[in-house]
Amino acid sequence: PKNNRSQFERTQHNDLIIDAYNANPTSMKAMLEFFSKIKSDLPKAVILGEMKELGPIAEVEHRKMLDYLHGQSFDKIYLVGSVFTDGVTGSITMKNTFVFERVEQLIEELERHPLAGYYVLLKGSHSVQLEKVIPFL
């Protein structure tokens, strides 16, 4: 079913795992661990939306997630949400990492620089609206 909960989809250009309905620190890390262990000949890209509704622990939890990402070998990382643009990523330098406040900015980037031939994970809170990116993948 197309409910944006842990579904696989193959587009004309990429293989996708879409888990863009709910996100919290535990589910985010679990999905990243799962995705990193998948054997694939394709390079891997992750598109992560911020984890909403974390309240006062939001910044700390997003930093922890970025620390985890820093130790992974994903080929491209796209981060979407104000928690990323408001400084959480400031002290972390990761190669091939792109940060956007809104999903529409990511779509503009993908229109300019299409992502093709990748295995892509989309993970984030539903309110980030990562499902809008799917037609551009």
C-alpha atoms as a PDB file:
ATOM      1  CA  PRO A   1       0.000   0.000   0.000  1.00  0.00           C
ATOM      2  CA  LYS A   2       1.069   3.587  -0.608  1.00  0.00           C
ATOM      3  CA  ASN A   3       1.015   4.911   2.928  1.00  0.00           C
ATOM      4  CA  ASN A   4       4.619   6.196   3.121  1.00  0.00           C
ATOM      5  CA  ARG A   5       5.412   3.684   5.880  1.00  0.00           C
ATOM      6  CA  SER A   6       8.422   1.511   5.058  1.00  0.00           C
ATOM      7  CA  GLN A   7       7.446   0.900   1.460  1.00  0.00           C
ATOM      8  CA  PHE A   8       9.720   0.035  -1.465  1.00  0.00           C
ATOM      9  CA  GLU A   9       9.227   1.774  -4.791  1.00  0.00           C
ATOM     10  CA  ARG A  10      11.202   1.598  -8.008  1.00  0.00           C
ATOM     11  CA  THR A  11      11.043   4.715 -10.159  1.00  0.00           C
ATOM     12  CA  GLN A  12      12.404   5.190 -13.660  1.00  0.00           C
ATOM     13  CA  HIS A  13      15.660   6.461 -12.136  1.00  0.00           C
ATOM     14  CA  ASN A  14      16.068   5.132  -8.572  1.00  0.00           C
ATOM     15  CA  ASP A  15      15.120   2.490  -6.029  1.00  0.00           C
ATOM     16  CA  LEU A  16      13.388   4.031  -3.007  1.00  0.00           C
ATOM     17  CA  ILE A  17      12.569   3.092   0.552  1.00  0.00           C
ATOM     18  CA  ILE A  18       9.891   5.508   1.725  1.00  0.00           C
ATOM     19  CA  ASP A  19       9.282   5.871   5.452  1.00  0.00           C
ATOM     20  CA  ALA A  20       8.021   9.430   5.583  1.00  0.00           C
ATOM     21  CA  TYR A  21       5.036   9.196   7.864  1.00  0.00           C
ATOM     22  CA  ASN A  22       6.540   9.262  11.336  1.00  0.00           C
ATOM     23  CA  ALA A  23       9.997   9.923  12.760  1.00  0.00           C
ATOM     24  CA  ASN A  24      11.538   9.847  16.192  1.00  0.00           C
ATOM     25  CA  PRO A  25      15.125   9.225  17.314  1.00  0.00           C
ATOM     26  CA  THR A  26      14.641   5.467  17.706  1.00  0.00           C
ATOM     27  CA  SER A  27      12.900   4.897  14.362  1.00  0.00           C
ATOM     28  CA  MET A  28      15.307   7.216  12.528  1.00  0.00           C
ATOM     29  CA  LYS A  29      18.410   5.416  13.773  1.00  0.00           C
ATOM     30  CA  ALA A  30      16.861   1.984  13.207  1.00  0.00           C
ATOM     31  CA  MET A  31      15.988   2.839   9.607  1.00  0.00           C
ATOM     32  CA  LEU A  32      19.447   4.296   8.940  1.00  0.00           C
ATOM     33  CA  GLU A  33      21.074   1.157  10.384  1.00  0.00           C
ATOM     34  CA  PHE A  34      18.812  -1.058   8.269  1.00  0.00           C
ATOM     35  CA  PHE A  35      19.499   0.960   5.117  1.00  0.00           C
ATOM     36  CA  SER A  36      23.261   0.982   5.675  1.00  0.00           C
ATOM     37  CA  LYS A  37      23.276  -2.832   5.847  1.00  0.00           C
ATOM     38  CA  ILE A  38      21.371  -3.368   2.595  1.00  0.00           C
ATOM     39  CA  LYS A  39      23.663  -4.831  -0.044  1.00  0.00           C
ATOM     40  CA  SER A  40      23.348  -2.901  -3.290  1.00  0.00           C
ATOM     41  CA  ASP A  41      25.446  -2.131  -6.341  1.00  0.00           C
ATOM     42  CA  LEU A  42      23.820   1.299  -6.429  1.00  0.00           C
ATOM     43  CA  PRO A  43      25.257   4.253  -4.524  1.00  0.00           C
ATOM     44  CA  LYS A  44      23.117   5.214  -1.524  1.00  0.00           C
ATOM     45  CA  ALA A  45      21.460   8.532  -0.775  1.00  0.00           C
ATOM     46  CA  VAL A  46      19.446   9.478   2.287  1.00  0.00           C
ATOM     47  CA  ILE A  47      16.821  12.200   2.383  1.00  0.00           C
ATOM     48  CA  LEU A  48      15.987  12.969   5.993  1.00  0.00           C
ATOM     49  CA  GLY A  49      13.279  15.282   7.223  1.00  0.00           C
ATOM     50  CA  GLU A  50      13.467  16.675  10.708  1.00  0.00           C
ATOM     51  CA  MET A  51      11.883  14.801  13.576  1.00  0.00           C
ATOM     52  CA  LYS A  52       9.003  17.007  14.656  1.00  0.00           C
ATOM     53  CA  GLU A  53       7.365  17.240  18.068  1.00  0.00           C
ATOM     54  CA  LEU A  54      10.518  16.492  20.094  1.00  0.00           C
ATOM     55  CA  GLY A  55      10.154  19.692  22.088  1.00  0.00           C
ATOM     56  CA  PRO A  56      13.172  20.812  24.133  1.00  0.00           C
ATOM     57  CA  ILE A  57      15.241  17.750  23.161  1.00  0.00           C
ATOM     58  CA  ALA A  58      14.937  18.412  19.408  1.00  0.00           C
ATOM     59  CA  GLU A  59      18.347  20.002  18.908  1.00  0.00           C
ATOM     60  CA  VAL A  60      20.178  17.386  20.986  1.00  0.00           C
ATOM     61  CA  GLU A  61      18.469  14.472  19.234  1.00  0.00           C
ATOM     62  CA  HIS A  62      19.142  15.884  15.772  1.00  0.00           C
ATOM     63  CA  ARG A  63      22.813  16.387  16.690  1.00  0.00           C
ATOM     64  CA  LYS A  64      23.013  12.757  17.825  1.00  0.00           C
ATOM     65  CA  MET A  65      21.505  11.650  14.522  1.00  0.00           C
ATOM     66  CA  LEU A  66      24.018  13.765  12.601  1.00  0.00           C
ATOM     67  CA  ASP A  67      26.867  12.298  14.651  1.00  0.00           C
ATOM     68  CA  TYR A  68      25.636   8.845  13.666  1.00  0.00           C
ATOM     69  CA  LEU A  69      25.387   9.874   9.996  1.00  0.00           C
ATOM     70  CA  HIS A  70      28.926  11.215  10.115  1.00  0.00           C
ATOM     71  CA  GLY A  71      30.180   7.687  10.754  1.00  0.00           C
ATOM     72  CA  GLN A  72      28.276   6.173   7.827  1.00  0.00           C
ATOM     73  CA  SER A  73      29.317   5.928   4.201  1.00  0.00           C
ATOM     74  CA  PHE A  74      26.254   7.220   2.380  1.00  0.00           C
ATOM     75  CA  ASP A  75      27.090   8.794  -0.971  1.00  0.00           C
ATOM     76  CA  LYS A  76      24.696  11.740  -0.620  1.00  0.00           C
ATOM     77  CA  ILE A  77      22.780  13.160   2.317  1.00  0.00           C
ATOM     78  CA  TYR A  78      19.897  15.619   2.008  1.00  0.00           C
ATOM     79  CA  LEU A  79      18.547  17.177   5.218  1.00  0.00           C
ATOM     80  CA  VAL A  80      15.220  19.016   5.293  1.00  0.00           C
ATOM     81  CA  GLY A  81      13.876  21.148   8.129  1.00  0.00           C
ATOM     82  CA  SER A  82      14.462  24.294  10.119  1.00  0.00           C
ATOM     83  CA  VAL A  83      16.257  22.399  12.896  1.00  0.00           C
ATOM     84  CA  PHE A  84      19.009  21.706  10.346  1.00  0.00           C
ATOM     85  CA  THR A  85      19.157  25.212   8.876  1.00  0.00           C
ATOM     86  CA  ASP A  86      19.076  26.874  12.305  1.00  0.00           C
ATOM     87  CA  GLY A  87      22.520  25.677  13.273  1.00  0.00           C
ATOM     88  CA  VAL A  88      22.413  22.016  14.230  1.00  0.00           C
ATOM     89  CA  THR A  89      24.614  21.193  11.242  1.00  0.00           C
ATOM     90  CA  GLY A  90      27.002  24.082  11.845  1.00  0.00           C
ATOM     91  CA  SER A  91      29.707  22.152  13.648  1.00  0.00           C
ATOM     92  CA  ILE A  92      29.460  19.050  11.489  1.00  0.00           C
ATOM     93  CA  THR A  93      31.096  18.929   8.098  1.00  0.00           C
ATOM     94  CA  MET A  94      30.007  16.007   5.990  1.00  0.00           C
ATOM     95  CA  LYS A  95      30.955  15.530   2.373  1.00  0.00           C
ATOM     96  CA  ASN A  96      28.091  15.504  -0.126  1.00  0.00           C
ATOM     97  CA  THR A  97      25.592  16.841   2.416  1.00  0.00           C
ATOM     98  CA  PHE A  98      22.912  19.313   1.388  1.00  0.00           C
ATOM     99  CA  VAL A  99      20.675  21.196   3.837  1.00  0.00           C
ATOM    100  CA  PHE A 100      17.290  22.777   3.094  1.00  0.00           C
ATOM    101  CA  GLU A 101      14.754  24.527   5.274  1.00  0.00           C
ATOM    102  CA  ARG A 102      11.766  23.408   3.194  1.00  0.00           C
ATOM    103  CA  VAL A 103      11.033  20.431   0.956  1.00  0.00           C
ATOM    104  CA  GLU A 104      10.340  22.790  -1.967  1.00  0.00           C
ATOM    105  CA  GLN A 105      13.995  23.878  -1.862  1.00  0.00           C
ATOM    106  CA  LEU A 106      15.088  20.243  -2.084  1.00  0.00           C
ATOM    107  CA  ILE A 107      12.795  19.749  -5.078  1.00  0.00           C
ATOM    108  CA  GLU A 108      14.405  22.755  -6.789  1.00  0.00           C
ATOM    109  CA  GLU A 109      17.831  21.208  -6.143  1.00  0.00           C
ATOM    110  CA  LEU A 110      16.725  17.872  -7.602  1.00  0.00           C
ATOM    111  CA  GLU A 111      15.350  19.642 -10.672  1.00  0.00           C
ATOM    112  CA  ARG A 112      18.739  21.338 -11.190  1.00  0.00           C
ATOM    113  CA  HIS A 113      20.813  18.278 -10.268  1.00  0.00           C
ATOM    114  CA  PRO A 114      18.730  15.118 -10.737  1.00  0.00           C
ATOM    115  CA  LEU A 115      19.474  12.103  -8.600  1.00  0.00           C
ATOM    116  CA  ALA A 116      19.602   9.015 -10.831  1.00  0.00           C
ATOM    117  CA  GLY A 117      20.963   5.522 -10.360  1.00  0.00           C
ATOM    118  CA  TYR A 118      20.729   5.596  -6.551  1.00  0.00           C
ATOM    119  CA  TYR A 119      19.205   3.572  -3.774  1.00  0.00           C
ATOM    120  CA  VAL A 120      17.390   6.285  -1.798  1.00  0.00           C
ATOM    121  CA  LEU A 121      15.985   6.300   1.730  1.00  0.00           C
ATOM    122  CA  LEU A 122      13.350   8.920   2.576  1.00  0.00           C
ATOM    123  CA  LYS A 123      12.721   9.225   6.321  1.00  0.00           C
ATOM    124  CA  GLY A 124      11.105  12.028   8.287  1.00  0.00           C
ATOM    125  CA  SER A 125       8.019  13.317  10.025  1.00  0.00           C
ATOM    126  CA  HIS A 126       4.886  13.521   7.896  1.00  0.00           C
ATOM    127  CA  SER A 127       4.626  17.294   8.374  1.00  0.00           C
ATOM    128  CA  VAL A 128       7.917  17.764   6.477  1.00  0.00           C
ATOM    129  CA  GLN A 129       6.088  16.395   3.398  1.00  0.00           C
ATOM    130  CA  LEU A 130       8.929  14.323   1.949  1.00  0.00           C
ATOM    131  CA  GLU A 131       6.380  12.508  -0.221  1.00  0.00           C
ATOM    132  CA  LYS A 132       6.421  15.601  -2.475  1.00  0.00           C
ATOM    133  CA  VAL A 133       9.979  14.646  -3.476  1.00  0.00           C
ATOM    134  CA  ILE A 134       9.062  11.209  -4.866  1.00  0.00           C
ATOM    135  CA  PRO A 135       8.023  12.416  -8.364  1.00  0.00           C
ATOM    136  CA  PHE A 136      11.468  14.043  -8.695  1.00  0.00           C
ATOM    137  CA  LEU A 137      13.306  10.806  -7.956  1.00  0.00           C
END
